[in-house]
Protein backbone atom coordinates (compact mmCIF):
# COMPACT_ATOMS: atom_id res chain seq x y z
CA UNK A 1 4.52 -16.93 8.19
CA UNK A 2 6.11 -18.38 11.29
CA UNK A 3 9.39 -17.33 12.88
CA UNK A 4 11.27 -20.33 11.49
CA UNK A 5 10.22 -19.46 7.92
CA UNK A 6 11.28 -15.83 8.37
CA UNK A 7 14.66 -16.86 9.78
CA UNK A 8 15.20 -19.22 6.83
CA UNK A 9 14.44 -16.41 4.37
CA UNK A 10 16.67 -13.94 6.20
CA UNK A 11 19.52 -16.46 6.42
CA UNK A 12 19.73 -16.38 2.61
CA UNK A 13 20.24 -12.60 2.61
CA UNK A 14 23.44 -10.58 3.10
CA UNK A 15 23.89 -10.04 6.86
CA UNK A 16 24.44 -6.29 6.44
CA UNK A 17 21.27 -5.74 4.34
CA UNK A 18 18.71 -3.34 5.79
CA UNK A 19 15.33 -4.80 6.80
CA UNK A 20 12.23 -2.73 6.09
CA UNK A 21 8.49 -3.17 6.41
CA UNK A 22 6.62 -2.64 3.16
CA UNK A 23 2.93 -2.00 3.75
CA UNK A 24 0.87 -2.37 0.59
CA UNK A 25 -2.65 -0.99 0.61
CA UNK A 26 -5.28 0.10 -1.92
CA UNK A 27 -5.43 3.82 -2.64
CA UNK A 28 -9.22 3.60 -2.71
CA UNK A 29 -11.50 0.71 -1.78
CA UNK A 30 -12.80 -0.06 -5.29
CA UNK A 31 -9.59 0.74 -7.17
CA UNK A 32 -6.76 -1.40 -8.51
CA UNK A 33 -4.31 1.38 -7.60
CA UNK A 34 -2.08 0.62 -4.62
CA UNK A 35 0.31 2.53 -2.42
CA UNK A 36 3.48 1.20 -0.82
CA UNK A 37 4.71 2.67 2.46
CA UNK A 38 8.22 1.63 3.53
CA UNK A 39 9.42 1.79 7.13
CA UNK A 40 12.52 0.58 8.97
CA UNK A 41 11.93 -2.14 11.56
CA UNK A 42 12.25 -0.32 14.89
CA UNK A 43 11.36 -3.17 17.20
CA UNK A 44 9.94 -6.62 17.73
CA UNK A 45 7.00 -7.21 20.03
CA UNK A 46 5.70 -10.60 21.18
CA UNK A 47 1.91 -10.38 21.32
CA UNK A 48 -0.80 -12.74 22.47
CA UNK A 49 -3.49 -12.59 19.82
CA UNK A 50 -6.86 -12.49 21.60
CA UNK A 51 -8.61 -12.79 18.20
CA UNK A 52 -6.91 -16.14 17.56
CA UNK A 53 -8.98 -19.12 18.70
CA UNK A 54 -5.76 -20.74 19.93
CA UNK A 55 -4.76 -17.58 21.84
CA UNK A 56 -1.45 -18.03 20.07
CA UNK A 57 1.65 -15.95 20.34
CA UNK A 58 2.39 -13.72 17.36
CA UNK A 59 5.46 -11.60 16.75
CA UNK A 60 4.92 -8.05 15.55
CA UNK A 61 7.64 -6.32 13.58
CA UNK A 62 7.19 -2.68 14.62
CA UNK A 63 7.81 0.17 12.23
CA UNK A 64 6.30 3.44 11.12
CA UNK A 65 6.80 7.14 11.54
CA UNK A 66 9.32 7.60 14.36
CA UNK A 67 7.03 9.72 16.57
CA UNK A 68 4.17 7.25 16.11
CA UNK A 69 6.38 4.27 16.97
CA UNK A 70 7.65 6.03 20.10
CA UNK A 71 4.08 6.81 21.23
CA UNK A 72 2.99 3.23 20.54
CA UNK A 73 5.90 1.69 22.45
CA UNK A 74 5.35 4.10 25.36
CA UNK A 75 1.66 3.12 25.48
CA UNK A 76 2.53 -0.59 25.40
CA UNK A 77 5.04 -0.11 28.25
CA UNK A 78 2.42 1.72 30.36
CA UNK A 79 -0.13 -1.04 29.75
CA UNK A 80 2.41 -3.64 30.88
CA UNK A 81 2.88 -1.97 34.28
């Protein structure tokens, strides 16, 4: 999904609605059972994707357990200096 598509989707939503990340993952590798973890969006991080052949810019929506997000953002800040 590109930024324009996300903006279009969000424009159709109530402006005071909460935005969350929903991470869906299998409970076990060979199982049809899934788990859904929900997190508030705590930040937005522009990222140059080294794995992309184009070296394109991607936008990460950051969310997770508060302590983990704080540690991640602190580590990113230190790497940027």
